[in-house]
Amino acid sequence: MKKYPSIATHRFDSATFNIKYLLYLCKKHITGKVLDVGAGCGSFTKIYSNFNISSITLTEVDKENFYNLKKNFKKKCQSL
C-alpha cells in the first residue's frame, strides 16, 4: 500500500472549523462505543472526550499515523 502523505492529515488536523462543524452535525450519534475508521492523525479523536462515549477503537492503515495514534491516545482508547 502506498504511504499516505502526512502533510494531508496535518492540514486536515489544522482545519478546526471544518472538524467542529462536522462534529456538530454528528454529535447526537456519537455515544457509547465508538469505532473511528481511518483515524488519520487523530483530528476527531482529540475531541471525542467531550462526548458521552464509553470506549473508542481507532483503526488506521498508514503505519506512521498508526504509531502516532498509539503514542498519543493509548490511555484514551480501548484498542488500536
Protein backbone atom coordinates (compact mmCIF):
# COMPACT_ATOMS: atom_id res chain seq x y z
CA MET A 1 0.00 0.00 0.00
CA LYS A 2 1.25 3.48 -0.86
CA LYS A 3 2.13 5.67 2.12
CA TYR A 4 -0.47 8.34 2.84
CA PRO A 5 1.11 11.80 2.74
CA SER A 6 1.34 13.04 6.32
CA ILE A 7 1.07 16.64 5.11
CA ALA A 8 -2.54 15.91 4.13
CA THR A 9 -3.53 14.62 7.57
CA HIS A 10 -1.80 17.52 9.30
CA ARG A 11 -3.53 20.03 7.04
CA PHE A 12 -6.87 18.47 7.91
CA ASP A 13 -5.88 18.48 11.57
CA SER A 14 -5.45 22.26 11.40
CA ALA A 15 -8.88 22.73 9.76
CA THR A 16 -10.53 23.12 13.14
CA PHE A 17 -13.61 24.91 11.82
CA ASN A 18 -14.40 22.01 9.46
CA ILE A 19 -13.81 19.44 12.20
CA LYS A 20 -16.02 21.27 14.69
CA TYR A 21 -18.77 21.71 12.08
CA LEU A 22 -18.75 18.01 11.14
CA LEU A 23 -18.86 17.00 14.78
CA TYR A 24 -21.68 19.47 15.44
CA LEU A 25 -23.73 17.73 12.75
CA CYS A 26 -22.95 14.24 14.06
CA LYS A 27 -22.62 14.72 17.83
CA LYS A 28 -26.03 13.26 18.72
CA HIS A 29 -24.93 9.98 17.13
CA ILE A 30 -21.52 9.83 18.87
CA THR A 31 -22.33 7.91 22.06
CA GLY A 32 -21.49 4.60 23.65
CA LYS A 33 -18.82 2.58 21.88
CA VAL A 34 -17.16 4.45 19.00
CA LEU A 35 -15.23 2.96 16.09
CA ASP A 36 -13.10 5.53 14.25
CA VAL A 37 -12.21 4.03 10.88
CA GLY A 38 -9.26 5.81 9.29
CA ALA A 39 -8.39 7.90 12.33
CA GLY A 40 -5.51 9.61 10.50
CA CYS A 41 -3.55 11.73 12.94
CA GLY A 42 -6.39 11.90 15.49
CA SER A 43 -8.15 15.10 14.43
CA PHE A 44 -11.51 13.83 15.70
CA THR A 45 -10.09 11.64 18.44
CA LYS A 46 -8.89 14.69 20.38
CA ILE A 47 -12.46 15.95 20.60
CA TYR A 48 -14.28 12.67 21.35
CA SER A 49 -13.59 13.05 25.08
CA ASN A 50 -16.16 15.89 25.03
CA PHE A 51 -18.87 13.39 24.06
CA ASN A 52 -20.71 10.74 26.06
CA ILE A 53 -18.69 7.71 24.92
CA SER A 54 -17.86 4.59 26.89
CA SER A 55 -14.97 3.44 24.69
CA ILE A 56 -13.25 4.22 21.42
CA THR A 57 -11.48 1.94 18.97
CA LEU A 58 -9.22 3.50 16.36
CA THR A 59 -8.19 1.98 13.04
CA GLU A 60 -5.54 3.29 10.68
CA VAL A 61 -3.68 1.62 7.80
CA ASP A 62 -0.86 4.15 7.48
CA LYS A 63 1.99 2.89 9.68
CA GLU A 64 3.27 6.33 10.70
CA ASN A 65 -0.19 7.58 11.61
CA PHE A 66 -0.87 4.32 13.48
CA TYR A 67 2.32 4.72 15.50
CA ASN A 68 1.46 8.33 16.37
CA LEU A 69 -2.12 7.42 17.33
CA LYS A 70 -0.85 4.65 19.57
CA LYS A 71 1.63 7.01 21.22
CA ASN A 72 -0.80 9.92 21.65
CA PHE A 73 -4.06 8.16 22.54
CA LYS A 74 -3.09 4.88 24.21
CA LYS A 75 -4.67 5.87 27.53
CA LYS A 76 -7.95 7.09 25.98
CA CYS A 77 -8.60 4.24 23.57
CA GLN A 78 -9.84 0.75 24.19
CA SER A 79 -7.81 -0.64 21.31
CA LEU A 80 -5.65 0.46 18.42
